[in-house]
Amino acid sequence: MGRPGPSAYHRLNPLTKATVATVTAIAAVALGGVVGPIILAAAAVLSPALVAGVLGRLARLSLLLALPIALSAFIVNLFFFPGAEQVLLRIGPITATGEGLRFAIEILVRILAISGAVTLFYLTTRAGDLTVDLERRGVSSRVAFVANASVQTVPTMVERASLITDAQRARGLDTEGSMWRRIRGVVPIVGPVILGSIAEVEERTMALEARGFTRPGRRTLLWTPADSARQAAVRWGLVVGLLALIVARVTGVFG
């Protein structure tokens, strides 16, 4: 426990990486346009991912994470943008407009920037490290546990679904072939995944209770992630910069 990651970015304090991800996600929306979010994503997502050696995994996972909502948002804005006049294409009663295309591209860039920031944090930060660091800073152990569980929920369910799929295939379940067979094969997988998640929550709760999780007072931590005054200054600088950006956008100083 406490072993540093393979790169300098992995070894950053978990709160620093969480701050970078949060500020990047909010700033991508606050900046607006296309150029701003692209520059932001290049500086705060792609460059750290390259340093950490996770650029390939980041691209695959962030695209998979953002694809459903990005595709739907792109289509809705392209064909149903209100008050648009520049017609690009007509498909029956549906019209693709230039204004809708420009806004759809803006939304797409923002979604990809947000997805990349969240994925980078997930790929370079262990959930246990974040929990310990939050507890060290005086955050309630219950709040820290919720943060830990939130970070681990998606990868845990994906791993469980993969194991259950392999087990069902070994029992003769057909999950390949036609679309109907694939849809029919989802039902025997979804049930065990949900029931398994509920059972795991109960088992984890009992294990935590047995270890005195709800006892009053602060716990004694045997190890905490490394931190520095420089990282603290960077975190506060990012937060102040984000607040300044939001104020500038609200007041119209930054168009």
C-alpha atoms as a PDB file:
ATOM      1  CA  MET A   1       0.000   0.000   0.000  1.00  0.00           C
ATOM      2  CA  GLY A   2       1.303   3.435  -0.816  1.00  0.00           C
ATOM      3  CA  ARG A   3       3.506   2.309  -3.679  1.00  0.00           C
ATOM      4  CA  PRO A   4       4.002   5.223  -6.100  1.00  0.00           C
ATOM      5  CA  GLY A   5       2.724   5.018  -9.645  1.00  0.00           C
ATOM      6  CA  PRO A   6       4.885   4.509 -12.722  1.00  0.00           C
ATOM      7  CA  SER A   7       5.001   8.190 -13.648  1.00  0.00           C
ATOM      8  CA  ALA A   8       5.267  11.613 -12.050  1.00  0.00           C
ATOM      9  CA  TYR A   9       1.588  12.268 -12.748  1.00  0.00           C
ATOM     10  CA  HIS A  10       0.594   9.027 -11.000  1.00  0.00           C
ATOM     11  CA  ARG A  11       2.560  10.150  -7.941  1.00  0.00           C
ATOM     12  CA  LEU A  12       0.689  13.430  -7.606  1.00  0.00           C
ATOM     13  CA  ASN A  13      -1.585  13.754  -4.603  1.00  0.00           C
ATOM     14  CA  PRO A  14      -5.084  12.343  -5.327  1.00  0.00           C
ATOM     15  CA  LEU A  15      -6.719  15.640  -4.376  1.00  0.00           C
ATOM     16  CA  THR A  16      -4.509  17.449  -6.889  1.00  0.00           C
ATOM     17  CA  LYS A  17      -5.617  15.115  -9.689  1.00  0.00           C
ATOM     18  CA  ALA A  18      -9.241  15.372  -8.576  1.00  0.00           C
ATOM     19  CA  THR A  19      -8.975  19.182  -8.629  1.00  0.00           C
ATOM     20  CA  VAL A  20      -7.474  19.123 -12.130  1.00  0.00           C
ATOM     21  CA  ALA A  21     -10.288  16.858 -13.377  1.00  0.00           C
ATOM     22  CA  THR A  22     -13.053  18.928 -11.764  1.00  0.00           C
ATOM     23  CA  VAL A  23     -11.679  22.288 -12.887  1.00  0.00           C
ATOM     24  CA  THR A  24     -11.135  20.970 -16.416  1.00  0.00           C
ATOM     25  CA  ALA A  25     -14.683  19.652 -16.666  1.00  0.00           C
ATOM     26  CA  ILE A  26     -16.284  22.887 -15.409  1.00  0.00           C
ATOM     27  CA  ALA A  27     -13.948  25.145 -17.391  1.00  0.00           C
ATOM     28  CA  ALA A  28     -14.730  23.260 -20.613  1.00  0.00           C
ATOM     29  CA  VAL A  29     -18.356  24.330 -20.190  1.00  0.00           C
ATOM     30  CA  ALA A  30     -17.554  27.850 -19.009  1.00  0.00           C
ATOM     31  CA  LEU A  31     -15.158  28.604 -21.861  1.00  0.00           C
ATOM     32  CA  GLY A  32     -17.638  27.827 -24.616  1.00  0.00           C
ATOM     33  CA  GLY A  33     -16.767  27.764 -28.281  1.00  0.00           C
ATOM     34  CA  VAL A  34     -14.442  25.184 -29.799  1.00  0.00           C
ATOM     35  CA  VAL A  35     -10.899  26.529 -29.539  1.00  0.00           C
ATOM     36  CA  GLY A  36     -10.967  27.088 -25.766  1.00  0.00           C
ATOM     37  CA  PRO A  37     -12.046  23.555 -24.767  1.00  0.00           C
ATOM     38  CA  ILE A  38      -9.631  22.020 -27.296  1.00  0.00           C
ATOM     39  CA  ILE A  39      -6.671  23.959 -25.844  1.00  0.00           C
ATOM     40  CA  LEU A  40      -7.831  23.106 -22.333  1.00  0.00           C
ATOM     41  CA  ALA A  41      -8.136  19.396 -23.150  1.00  0.00           C
ATOM     42  CA  ALA A  42      -4.704  19.383 -24.788  1.00  0.00           C
ATOM     43  CA  ALA A  43      -3.081  21.026 -21.750  1.00  0.00           C
ATOM     44  CA  ALA A  44      -4.968  19.353 -18.896  1.00  0.00           C
ATOM     45  CA  VAL A  45      -5.868  15.945 -20.376  1.00  0.00           C
ATOM     46  CA  LEU A  46      -3.748  14.893 -23.352  1.00  0.00           C
ATOM     47  CA  SER A  47      -0.409  16.182 -22.063  1.00  0.00           C
ATOM     48  CA  PRO A  48      -0.729  14.562 -18.602  1.00  0.00           C
ATOM     49  CA  ALA A  49      -1.980  11.350 -20.228  1.00  0.00           C
ATOM     50  CA  LEU A  50       1.098  11.320 -22.456  1.00  0.00           C
ATOM     51  CA  VAL A  51       3.355  11.836 -19.431  1.00  0.00           C
ATOM     52  CA  ALA A  52       1.537   9.084 -17.534  1.00  0.00           C
ATOM     53  CA  GLY A  53       1.720   6.693 -20.495  1.00  0.00           C
ATOM     54  CA  VAL A  54      -2.056   6.127 -20.617  1.00  0.00           C
ATOM     55  CA  LEU A  55      -2.894   8.109 -23.757  1.00  0.00           C
ATOM     56  CA  GLY A  56      -4.089   5.056 -25.712  1.00  0.00           C
ATOM     57  CA  ARG A  57      -6.310   3.750 -22.920  1.00  0.00           C
ATOM     58  CA  LEU A  58      -7.567   7.263 -22.247  1.00  0.00           C
ATOM     59  CA  ALA A  59      -8.658   7.697 -25.871  1.00  0.00           C
ATOM     60  CA  ARG A  60     -10.491   4.355 -25.959  1.00  0.00           C
ATOM     61  CA  LEU A  61     -12.237   4.651 -22.596  1.00  0.00           C
ATOM     62  CA  SER A  62     -13.185   8.313 -22.876  1.00  0.00           C
ATOM     63  CA  LEU A  63     -14.661   7.759 -26.345  1.00  0.00           C
ATOM     64  CA  LEU A  64     -16.668   4.765 -25.106  1.00  0.00           C
ATOM     65  CA  LEU A  65     -17.845   6.756 -22.113  1.00  0.00           C
ATOM     66  CA  ALA A  66     -18.822   9.837 -24.114  1.00  0.00           C
ATOM     67  CA  LEU A  67     -20.075   8.215 -27.316  1.00  0.00           C
ATOM     68  CA  PRO A  68     -23.775   7.643 -26.405  1.00  0.00           C
ATOM     69  CA  ILE A  69     -24.458  11.124 -25.001  1.00  0.00           C
ATOM     70  CA  ALA A  70     -22.171  12.849 -27.515  1.00  0.00           C
ATOM     71  CA  LEU A  71     -23.876  11.201 -30.487  1.00  0.00           C
ATOM     72  CA  SER A  72     -27.381  11.978 -29.243  1.00  0.00           C
ATOM     73  CA  ALA A  73     -26.483  15.591 -28.399  1.00  0.00           C
ATOM     74  CA  PHE A  74     -24.848  16.059 -31.806  1.00  0.00           C
ATOM     75  CA  ILE A  75     -27.881  14.744 -33.707  1.00  0.00           C
ATOM     76  CA  VAL A  76     -30.425  16.703 -31.643  1.00  0.00           C
ATOM     77  CA  ASN A  77     -28.583  20.009 -32.038  1.00  0.00           C
ATOM     78  CA  LEU A  78     -27.798  19.442 -35.716  1.00  0.00           C
ATOM     79  CA  PHE A  79     -31.386  18.764 -36.764  1.00  0.00           C
ATOM     80  CA  PHE A  80     -33.474  20.511 -34.100  1.00  0.00           C
ATOM     81  CA  PHE A  81     -31.588  23.699 -33.253  1.00  0.00           C
ATOM     82  CA  PRO A  82     -34.214  26.413 -32.552  1.00  0.00           C
ATOM     83  CA  GLY A  83     -34.357  29.563 -34.655  1.00  0.00           C
ATOM     84  CA  ALA A  84     -31.773  28.408 -37.200  1.00  0.00           C
ATOM     85  CA  GLU A  85     -31.892  29.848 -40.741  1.00  0.00           C
ATOM     86  CA  GLN A  86     -28.846  28.438 -42.581  1.00  0.00           C
ATOM     87  CA  VAL A  87     -30.133  25.197 -44.142  1.00  0.00           C
ATOM     88  CA  LEU A  88     -27.502  22.561 -44.963  1.00  0.00           C
ATOM     89  CA  LEU A  89     -29.614  19.482 -45.628  1.00  0.00           C
ATOM     90  CA  ARG A  90     -33.270  18.466 -45.704  1.00  0.00           C
ATOM     91  CA  ILE A  91     -34.421  14.932 -44.958  1.00  0.00           C
ATOM     92  CA  GLY A  92     -38.181  15.026 -45.198  1.00  0.00           C
ATOM     93  CA  PRO A  93     -39.479  17.237 -42.382  1.00  0.00           C
ATOM     94  CA  ILE A  94     -36.069  17.261 -40.677  1.00  0.00           C
ATOM     95  CA  THR A  95     -33.577  20.005 -41.492  1.00  0.00           C
ATOM     96  CA  ALA A  96     -29.877  20.172 -40.699  1.00  0.00           C
ATOM     97  CA  THR A  97     -28.759  23.761 -40.160  1.00  0.00           C
ATOM     98  CA  GLY A  98     -25.427  25.531 -40.042  1.00  0.00           C
ATOM     99  CA  GLU A  99     -26.156  27.066 -36.649  1.00  0.00           C
ATOM    100  CA  GLY A 100     -27.083  23.638 -35.329  1.00  0.00           C
ATOM    101  CA  LEU A 101     -23.877  22.131 -36.727  1.00  0.00           C
ATOM    102  CA  ARG A 102     -21.706  24.768 -35.076  1.00  0.00           C
ATOM    103  CA  PHE A 103     -23.440  24.371 -31.721  1.00  0.00           C
ATOM    104  CA  ALA A 104     -23.343  20.568 -32.020  1.00  0.00           C
ATOM    105  CA  ILE A 105     -19.569  20.679 -32.558  1.00  0.00           C
ATOM    106  CA  GLU A 106     -19.196  22.914 -29.487  1.00  0.00           C
ATOM    107  CA  ILE A 107     -21.210  20.472 -27.363  1.00  0.00           C
ATOM    108  CA  LEU A 108     -19.228  17.524 -28.741  1.00  0.00           C
ATOM    109  CA  VAL A 109     -15.895  19.139 -27.850  1.00  0.00           C
ATOM    110  CA  ARG A 110     -17.088  19.930 -24.322  1.00  0.00           C
ATOM    111  CA  ILE A 111     -18.340  16.380 -23.738  1.00  0.00           C
ATOM    112  CA  LEU A 112     -15.061  14.884 -24.942  1.00  0.00           C
ATOM    113  CA  ALA A 113     -13.067  17.238 -22.698  1.00  0.00           C
ATOM    114  CA  ILE A 114     -15.171  16.321 -19.665  1.00  0.00           C
ATOM    115  CA  SER A 115     -14.990  12.607 -20.456  1.00  0.00           C
ATOM    116  CA  GLY A 116     -11.224  12.798 -20.924  1.00  0.00           C
ATOM    117  CA  ALA A 117     -10.710  14.609 -17.612  1.00  0.00           C
ATOM    118  CA  VAL A 118     -12.771  12.072 -15.666  1.00  0.00           C
ATOM    119  CA  THR A 119     -11.120   9.109 -17.405  1.00  0.00           C
ATOM    120  CA  LEU A 120      -7.621  10.465 -16.766  1.00  0.00           C
ATOM    121  CA  PHE A 121      -8.378  10.713 -13.056  1.00  0.00           C
ATOM    122  CA  TYR A 122      -9.717   7.158 -13.020  1.00  0.00           C
ATOM    123  CA  LEU A 123      -6.695   5.748 -14.875  1.00  0.00           C
ATOM    124  CA  THR A 124      -4.064   7.429 -12.692  1.00  0.00           C
ATOM    125  CA  THR A 125      -5.637   7.360  -9.218  1.00  0.00           C
ATOM    126  CA  ARG A 126      -6.385   4.455  -6.919  1.00  0.00           C
ATOM    127  CA  ALA A 127      -9.684   4.874  -5.114  1.00  0.00           C
ATOM    128  CA  GLY A 128      -8.149   3.857  -1.793  1.00  0.00           C
ATOM    129  CA  ASP A 129      -5.557   6.624  -2.043  1.00  0.00           C
ATOM    130  CA  LEU A 130      -8.296   9.238  -2.493  1.00  0.00           C
ATOM    131  CA  THR A 131     -10.219   7.872   0.497  1.00  0.00           C
ATOM    132  CA  VAL A 132      -7.184   7.981   2.784  1.00  0.00           C
ATOM    133  CA  ASP A 133      -6.241  11.473   1.647  1.00  0.00           C
ATOM    134  CA  LEU A 134      -9.746  12.796   2.289  1.00  0.00           C
ATOM    135  CA  GLU A 135      -9.803  11.283   5.773  1.00  0.00           C
ATOM    136  CA  ARG A 136      -6.420  12.828   6.540  1.00  0.00           C
ATOM    137  CA  ARG A 137      -7.870  16.246   5.712  1.00  0.00           C
ATOM    138  CA  GLY A 138     -10.669  15.804   8.225  1.00  0.00           C
ATOM    139  CA  VAL A 139     -13.408  14.612   5.873  1.00  0.00           C
ATOM    140  CA  SER A 140     -15.867  12.241   7.514  1.00  0.00           C
ATOM    141  CA  SER A 141     -15.055   8.580   6.963  1.00  0.00           C
ATOM    142  CA  ARG A 142     -18.571   8.053   5.645  1.00  0.00           C
ATOM    143  CA  VAL A 143     -18.165  10.802   3.042  1.00  0.00           C
ATOM    144  CA  ALA A 144     -14.779   9.370   2.076  1.00  0.00           C
ATOM    145  CA  PHE A 145     -16.334   5.922   1.733  1.00  0.00           C
ATOM    146  CA  VAL A 146     -19.070   7.304  -0.536  1.00  0.00           C
ATOM    147  CA  ALA A 147     -16.405   8.936  -2.723  1.00  0.00           C
ATOM    148  CA  ASN A 148     -14.478   5.667  -2.845  1.00  0.00           C
ATOM    149  CA  ALA A 149     -17.573   3.656  -3.733  1.00  0.00           C
ATOM    150  CA  SER A 150     -18.555   6.155  -6.441  1.00  0.00           C
ATOM    151  CA  VAL A 151     -15.149   5.876  -8.121  1.00  0.00           C
ATOM    152  CA  GLN A 152     -15.197   2.067  -7.948  1.00  0.00           C
ATOM    153  CA  THR A 153     -18.819   1.498  -9.021  1.00  0.00           C
ATOM    154  CA  VAL A 154     -18.413   1.495 -12.802  1.00  0.00           C
ATOM    155  CA  PRO A 155     -15.190  -0.564 -13.077  1.00  0.00           C
ATOM    156  CA  THR A 156     -16.505  -3.052 -10.487  1.00  0.00           C
ATOM    157  CA  MET A 157     -19.772  -3.581 -12.373  1.00  0.00           C
ATOM    158  CA  VAL A 158     -17.937  -3.905 -15.698  1.00  0.00           C
ATOM    159  CA  GLU A 159     -15.615  -6.531 -14.221  1.00  0.00           C
ATOM    160  CA  ARG A 160     -18.519  -8.424 -12.650  1.00  0.00           C
ATOM    161  CA  ALA A 161     -20.492  -8.326 -15.916  1.00  0.00           C
ATOM    162  CA  SER A 162     -17.481  -9.758 -17.765  1.00  0.00           C
ATOM    163  CA  LEU A 163     -17.123 -12.614 -15.266  1.00  0.00           C
ATOM    164  CA  ILE A 164     -20.844 -13.391 -15.354  1.00  0.00           C
ATOM    165  CA  THR A 165     -20.853 -13.321 -19.163  1.00  0.00           C
ATOM    166  CA  ASP A 166     -18.000 -15.841 -19.273  1.00  0.00           C
ATOM    167  CA  ALA A 167     -19.786 -18.055 -16.747  1.00  0.00           C
ATOM    168  CA  GLN A 168     -23.063 -17.926 -18.681  1.00  0.00           C
ATOM    169  CA  ARG A 169     -21.271 -18.757 -21.926  1.00  0.00           C
ATOM    170  CA  ALA A 170     -19.679 -21.761 -20.236  1.00  0.00           C
ATOM    171  CA  ARG A 171     -23.221 -22.906 -19.401  1.00  0.00           C
ATOM    172  CA  GLY A 172     -24.274 -22.632 -23.036  1.00  0.00           C
ATOM    173  CA  LEU A 173     -25.734 -19.108 -23.186  1.00  0.00           C
ATOM    174  CA  ASP A 174     -25.578 -17.686 -26.708  1.00  0.00           C
ATOM    175  CA  THR A 175     -24.488 -14.034 -26.544  1.00  0.00           C
ATOM    176  CA  GLU A 176     -23.257 -13.758 -30.123  1.00  0.00           C
ATOM    177  CA  GLY A 177     -24.835 -13.890 -33.551  1.00  0.00           C
ATOM    178  CA  SER A 178     -27.948 -11.964 -34.509  1.00  0.00           C
ATOM    179  CA  MET A 179     -29.111  -8.828 -32.732  1.00  0.00           C
ATOM    180  CA  TRP A 180     -32.095 -10.670 -31.242  1.00  0.00           C
ATOM    181  CA  ARG A 181     -29.828 -13.325 -29.719  1.00  0.00           C
ATOM    182  CA  ARG A 182     -27.640 -10.658 -28.181  1.00  0.00           C
ATOM    183  CA  ILE A 183     -30.636  -8.831 -26.698  1.00  0.00           C
ATOM    184  CA  ARG A 184     -32.044 -12.099 -25.366  1.00  0.00           C
ATOM    185  CA  GLY A 185     -28.668 -12.938 -23.841  1.00  0.00           C
ATOM    186  CA  VAL A 186     -28.550  -9.665 -21.891  1.00  0.00           C
ATOM    187  CA  VAL A 187     -31.375 -10.642 -19.527  1.00  0.00           C
ATOM    188  CA  PRO A 188     -29.541 -13.574 -17.845  1.00  0.00           C
ATOM    189  CA  ILE A 189     -26.561 -11.247 -17.321  1.00  0.00           C
ATOM    190  CA  VAL A 190     -28.269  -8.109 -15.978  1.00  0.00           C
ATOM    191  CA  GLY A 191     -30.045  -9.951 -13.155  1.00  0.00           C
ATOM    192  CA  PRO A 192     -26.901 -11.500 -11.610  1.00  0.00           C
ATOM    193  CA  VAL A 193     -24.991  -8.220 -12.010  1.00  0.00           C
ATOM    194  CA  ILE A 194     -27.616  -6.249 -10.062  1.00  0.00           C
ATOM    195  CA  LEU A 195     -28.123  -8.937  -7.417  1.00  0.00           C
ATOM    196  CA  GLY A 196     -24.364  -9.361  -7.069  1.00  0.00           C
ATOM    197  CA  SER A 197     -23.918  -5.617  -6.561  1.00  0.00           C
ATOM    198  CA  ILE A 198     -26.588  -5.582  -3.836  1.00  0.00           C
ATOM    199  CA  ALA A 199     -25.021  -8.589  -2.117  1.00  0.00           C
ATOM    200  CA  GLU A 200     -21.589  -6.967  -2.277  1.00  0.00           C
ATOM    201  CA  VAL A 201     -22.922  -3.792  -0.642  1.00  0.00           C
ATOM    202  CA  GLU A 202     -24.369  -5.872   2.206  1.00  0.00           C
ATOM    203  CA  GLU A 203     -21.138  -7.852   2.652  1.00  0.00           C
ATOM    204  CA  ARG A 204     -19.033  -4.690   2.590  1.00  0.00           C
ATOM    205  CA  THR A 205     -21.313  -3.013   5.140  1.00  0.00           C
ATOM    206  CA  MET A 206     -21.035  -5.962   7.529  1.00  0.00           C
ATOM    207  CA  ALA A 207     -17.256  -6.064   7.084  1.00  0.00           C
ATOM    208  CA  LEU A 208     -16.955  -2.338   7.815  1.00  0.00           C
ATOM    209  CA  GLU A 209     -19.160  -2.635  10.888  1.00  0.00           C
ATOM    210  CA  ALA A 210     -17.010  -5.510  12.166  1.00  0.00           C
ATOM    211  CA  ARG A 211     -13.938  -3.274  11.801  1.00  0.00           C
ATOM    212  CA  GLY A 212     -15.466  -0.398  13.762  1.00  0.00           C
ATOM    213  CA  PHE A 213     -16.205   1.841  10.790  1.00  0.00           C
ATOM    214  CA  THR A 214     -18.941   3.781  12.607  1.00  0.00           C
ATOM    215  CA  ARG A 215     -17.064   4.293  15.870  1.00  0.00           C
ATOM    216  CA  PRO A 216     -16.744   7.952  16.973  1.00  0.00           C
ATOM    217  CA  GLY A 217     -13.520   9.881  16.582  1.00  0.00           C
ATOM    218  CA  ARG A 218     -10.887   9.987  13.861  1.00  0.00           C
ATOM    219  CA  ARG A 219      -9.109   6.871  12.678  1.00  0.00           C
ATOM    220  CA  THR A 220      -5.361   6.388  12.912  1.00  0.00           C
ATOM    221  CA  LEU A 221      -3.980   6.217   9.381  1.00  0.00           C
ATOM    222  CA  LEU A 222      -0.876   4.095   8.855  1.00  0.00           C
ATOM    223  CA  TRP A 223      -0.080   5.732   5.503  1.00  0.00           C
ATOM    224  CA  THR A 224      -1.105   8.872   3.630  1.00  0.00           C
ATOM    225  CA  PRO A 225      -0.367   9.980   0.051  1.00  0.00           C
ATOM    226  CA  ALA A 226       2.490  12.414  -0.380  1.00  0.00           C
ATOM    227  CA  ASP A 227       1.613  16.091  -0.721  1.00  0.00           C
ATOM    228  CA  SER A 228       3.543  19.353  -0.949  1.00  0.00           C
ATOM    229  CA  ALA A 229       3.062  23.082  -0.564  1.00  0.00           C
ATOM    230  CA  ARG A 230       3.569  23.472  -4.314  1.00  0.00           C
ATOM    231  CA  GLN A 231       0.684  21.138  -5.096  1.00  0.00           C
ATOM    232  CA  ALA A 232      -1.525  22.942  -2.581  1.00  0.00           C
ATOM    233  CA  ALA A 233      -0.699  26.258  -4.269  1.00  0.00           C
ATOM    234  CA  VAL A 234      -1.546  24.752  -7.682  1.00  0.00           C
ATOM    235  CA  ARG A 235      -4.884  23.481  -6.372  1.00  0.00           C
ATOM    236  CA  TRP A 236      -5.869  26.862  -4.963  1.00  0.00           C
ATOM    237  CA  GLY A 237      -4.653  28.571  -8.120  1.00  0.00           C
ATOM    238  CA  LEU A 238      -6.833  26.338 -10.265  1.00  0.00           C
ATOM    239  CA  VAL A 239      -9.894  26.983  -8.101  1.00  0.00           C
ATOM    240  CA  VAL A 240      -9.343  30.751  -8.086  1.00  0.00           C
ATOM    241  CA  GLY A 241      -8.755  30.747 -11.842  1.00  0.00           C
ATOM    242  CA  LEU A 242     -11.974  28.805 -12.405  1.00  0.00           C
ATOM    243  CA  LEU A 243     -13.976  31.222 -10.250  1.00  0.00           C
ATOM    244  CA  ALA A 244     -12.485  34.162 -12.139  1.00  0.00           C
ATOM    245  CA  LEU A 245     -13.446  32.551 -15.450  1.00  0.00           C
ATOM    246  CA  ILE A 246     -17.021  31.974 -14.318  1.00  0.00           C
ATOM    247  CA  VAL A 247     -17.355  35.566 -13.039  1.00  0.00           C
ATOM    248  CA  ALA A 248     -15.919  36.881 -16.316  1.00  0.00           C
ATOM    249  CA  ARG A 249     -18.429  34.875 -18.338  1.00  0.00           C
ATOM    250  CA  VAL A 250     -21.391  35.902 -16.160  1.00  0.00           C
ATOM    251  CA  THR A 251     -20.485  39.592 -16.242  1.00  0.00           C
ATOM    252  CA  GLY A 252     -19.736  39.531 -19.964  1.00  0.00           C
ATOM    253  CA  VAL A 253     -16.074  40.515 -19.607  1.00  0.00           C
ATOM    254  CA  PHE A 254     -15.101  37.300 -21.368  1.00  0.00           C
ATOM    255  CA  GLY A 255     -17.401  36.952 -24.370  1.00  0.00           C
END
